[in-house]
């Protein structure tokens, strides 16, 4: 029975993460469309912060939810991509942040239960995530010849956009938590 319960909890985490990530993508399209450099690459990418948060809170299930949402988003909006590019983009979106978290846990920077999480550790996480995400996306798009993909050109706006988006989101969360603490 415990295994079935864990499966249900994991499925719910994946579903909630996927829906919230999709909503974050729609918010990006509505509020920050002007930051788009080329399709799929932004100078400021708000959902990058969601990736960081979901992976920190939900771990592998957050990564899977982001992966699922990205696949469906790309099916809706990236009509000219082949299946391989859609899958690699989804995996890069979901597992770039998870890989960064795994690396930082392996190095002892971020503990398993997030105890003692510091601002410096979050900044390292955001930077490593942005770097991994931009590299994996751009190399995948270049390797599978995504239309208009320029590896050495597009990597920089994506790196900056993911870093700014994740840092802005983390700071926004900090302000919310500070406000909630002030209410007490």
Protein backbone atom coordinates (compact mmCIF):
# COMPACT_ATOMS: atom_id res chain seq x y z
CA UNK A 1 0.00 0.00 0.00
CA UNK A 2 2.88 2.37 0.76
CA UNK A 3 4.22 1.96 -2.78
CA UNK A 4 0.85 2.81 -4.28
CA UNK A 5 0.62 5.91 -2.07
CA UNK A 6 4.09 7.05 -3.16
CA UNK A 7 3.13 6.54 -6.79
CA UNK A 8 0.01 8.65 -6.33
CA UNK A 9 1.98 11.39 -4.54
CA UNK A 10 4.64 11.37 -7.28
CA UNK A 11 1.98 11.59 -9.98
CA UNK A 12 0.31 14.52 -8.21
CA UNK A 13 3.66 16.32 -7.82
CA UNK A 14 4.44 15.82 -11.52
CA UNK A 15 0.98 17.02 -12.55
CA UNK A 16 1.00 20.10 -10.30
CA UNK A 17 4.51 21.01 -11.42
CA UNK A 18 3.57 20.59 -15.08
CA UNK A 19 0.47 22.79 -14.77
CA UNK A 20 2.27 25.50 -12.78
CA UNK A 21 5.19 25.50 -15.21
CA UNK A 22 2.80 25.83 -18.15
CA UNK A 23 1.12 28.77 -16.39
CA UNK A 24 4.55 30.33 -15.83
CA UNK A 25 5.28 29.95 -19.53
CA UNK A 26 2.00 31.67 -20.38
CA UNK A 27 2.83 34.48 -17.92
CA UNK A 28 6.21 34.87 -19.66
CA UNK A 29 4.45 35.13 -23.02
CA UNK A 30 2.00 37.69 -21.68
CA UNK A 31 4.28 39.92 -19.59
CA UNK A 32 7.81 39.44 -20.93
CA UNK A 33 7.38 38.67 -24.63
CA UNK A 34 9.46 41.76 -25.42
CA UNK A 35 12.53 39.96 -24.00
CA UNK A 36 12.44 37.26 -26.70
CA UNK A 37 15.65 37.22 -28.71
CA UNK A 38 14.61 34.40 -31.07
CA UNK A 39 11.85 31.81 -30.55
CA UNK A 40 12.69 29.85 -27.41
CA UNK A 41 15.48 32.21 -26.27
CA UNK A 42 14.80 35.18 -23.98
CA UNK A 43 16.99 37.83 -22.36
CA UNK A 44 14.78 37.40 -19.26
CA UNK A 45 13.06 34.06 -18.71
CA UNK A 46 10.76 34.03 -15.67
CA UNK A 47 10.01 30.25 -15.85
CA UNK A 48 13.72 29.62 -15.16
CA UNK A 49 12.93 30.52 -11.56
CA UNK A 50 10.11 28.01 -11.55
CA UNK A 51 12.54 25.33 -12.72
CA UNK A 52 14.87 26.12 -9.85
CA UNK A 53 12.07 26.20 -7.27
CA UNK A 54 10.31 23.04 -8.48
CA UNK A 55 13.53 21.03 -8.53
CA UNK A 56 14.53 22.30 -5.09
CA UNK A 57 11.13 21.45 -3.61
CA UNK A 58 10.01 18.39 -5.59
CA UNK A 59 13.32 16.95 -6.81
CA UNK A 60 13.11 14.46 -9.64
CA UNK A 61 9.31 14.77 -9.73
CA UNK A 62 9.65 18.50 -10.34
CA UNK A 63 12.09 17.79 -13.17
CA UNK A 64 9.68 15.29 -14.73
CA UNK A 65 6.79 17.76 -14.44
CA UNK A 66 8.83 20.47 -16.16
CA UNK A 67 9.84 17.97 -18.84
CA UNK A 68 6.21 16.97 -19.50
CA UNK A 69 5.03 20.59 -19.59
CA UNK A 70 7.82 21.63 -21.94
CA UNK A 71 7.01 18.80 -24.33
CA UNK A 72 3.36 19.89 -24.51
CA UNK A 73 4.26 23.58 -24.77
CA UNK A 74 6.62 22.82 -27.66
CA UNK A 75 3.98 20.69 -29.36
CA UNK A 76 1.65 23.69 -29.25
CA UNK A 77 4.11 26.47 -30.12
CA UNK A 78 7.13 24.95 -31.90
CA UNK A 79 5.26 23.53 -34.86
CA UNK A 80 8.27 23.14 -37.13
CA UNK A 81 10.42 21.07 -34.77
CA UNK A 82 11.04 17.37 -35.26
CA UNK A 83 10.25 14.86 -32.51
CA UNK A 84 13.91 14.47 -31.49
CA UNK A 85 14.27 18.22 -30.95
CA UNK A 86 11.01 18.34 -28.98
CA UNK A 87 12.16 15.51 -26.71
CA UNK A 88 15.65 16.91 -26.17
CA UNK A 89 14.26 20.36 -25.42
CA UNK A 90 11.87 18.85 -22.87
CA UNK A 91 14.66 16.85 -21.24
CA UNK A 92 16.97 19.89 -21.18
CA UNK A 93 14.24 22.00 -19.58
CA UNK A 94 13.38 19.44 -16.94
CA UNK A 95 16.73 18.00 -16.12
CA UNK A 96 19.13 20.94 -16.50
CA UNK A 97 18.09 22.27 -13.10
CA UNK A 98 17.98 18.78 -11.60
CA UNK A 99 21.52 18.08 -12.86
CA UNK A 100 22.76 21.33 -11.33
CA UNK A 101 21.13 20.40 -8.01
CA UNK A 102 22.64 16.91 -8.15
CA UNK A 103 26.09 18.41 -8.80
CA UNK A 104 25.77 20.83 -5.88
CA UNK A 105 24.56 18.06 -3.57
CA UNK A 106 27.46 15.88 -4.65
CA UNK A 107 29.85 18.74 -3.84
CA UNK A 108 28.15 19.29 -0.45
CA UNK A 109 26.92 22.80 -1.26
CA UNK A 110 23.19 22.03 -0.90
CA UNK A 111 21.98 19.48 1.65
CA UNK A 112 19.37 16.86 0.82
CA UNK A 113 16.66 18.42 3.01
CA UNK A 114 17.66 21.99 2.11
CA UNK A 115 18.86 22.58 5.68
CA UNK A 116 21.21 25.52 5.92
CA UNK A 117 20.42 26.72 2.41
CA UNK A 118 22.25 30.01 1.90
CA UNK A 119 21.97 32.83 -0.59
CA UNK A 120 25.43 31.93 -1.92
CA UNK A 121 24.31 28.32 -2.52
CA UNK A 122 21.19 29.54 -4.35
CA UNK A 123 23.31 31.83 -6.52
CA UNK A 124 25.64 28.93 -7.36
CA UNK A 125 22.62 26.80 -8.17
CA UNK A 126 21.12 29.48 -10.42
CA UNK A 127 24.41 30.03 -12.25
CA UNK A 128 25.21 26.34 -12.78
CA UNK A 129 21.61 25.66 -13.80
CA UNK A 130 21.62 28.55 -16.32
CA UNK A 131 24.90 27.37 -17.79
CA UNK A 132 23.83 23.72 -18.08
CA UNK A 133 20.42 24.62 -19.43
CA UNK A 134 21.78 26.96 -22.10
CA UNK A 135 24.47 24.46 -23.15
CA UNK A 136 22.13 21.47 -23.34
CA UNK A 137 19.42 23.41 -25.21
CA UNK A 138 21.74 25.06 -27.71
CA UNK A 139 23.83 21.95 -28.42
CA UNK A 140 20.65 19.90 -28.90
CA UNK A 141 19.15 22.48 -31.24
CA UNK A 142 22.39 22.76 -33.19
CA UNK A 143 22.89 18.97 -33.41
CA UNK A 144 19.35 18.38 -34.67
CA UNK A 145 19.50 21.42 -36.94
CA UNK A 146 16.67 23.39 -35.41
CA UNK A 147 15.69 26.06 -37.89
CA UNK A 148 17.60 29.30 -37.29
CA UNK A 149 19.74 27.87 -34.47
CA UNK A 150 23.14 29.54 -34.04
CA UNK A 151 24.97 27.78 -31.21
CA UNK A 152 27.64 30.37 -30.41
CA UNK A 153 25.23 33.29 -30.77
CA UNK A 154 22.03 32.04 -29.10
CA UNK A 155 23.74 30.50 -26.08
CA UNK A 156 24.52 33.90 -24.51
CA UNK A 157 21.00 35.39 -24.40
CA UNK A 158 19.67 32.06 -23.09
CA UNK A 159 22.33 31.93 -20.37
CA UNK A 160 21.62 35.52 -19.35
CA UNK A 161 17.84 35.05 -19.54
CA UNK A 162 17.86 31.91 -17.41
CA UNK A 163 20.20 33.45 -14.86
CA UNK A 164 18.22 36.71 -14.61
CA UNK A 165 14.89 34.87 -14.54
CA UNK A 166 15.96 32.47 -11.81
CA UNK A 167 17.61 35.18 -9.70
CA UNK A 168 14.62 37.53 -10.05
CA UNK A 169 12.22 34.72 -9.13
CA UNK A 170 14.28 33.69 -6.09
CA UNK A 171 14.43 37.31 -4.93
CA UNK A 172 10.66 37.62 -5.45
CA UNK A 173 10.16 34.51 -3.28
CA UNK A 174 12.44 36.02 -0.63
CA UNK A 175 10.30 39.18 -0.57
CA UNK A 176 7.13 37.12 -0.22
CA UNK A 177 8.57 35.10 2.67
CA UNK A 178 9.84 38.25 4.36
CA UNK A 179 6.36 39.78 4.03
CA UNK A 180 4.76 36.67 5.47
CA UNK A 181 7.18 36.74 8.40
CA UNK A 182 6.33 40.41 9.03
CA UNK A 183 2.66 39.45 9.36
CA UNK A 184 3.44 37.27 12.37
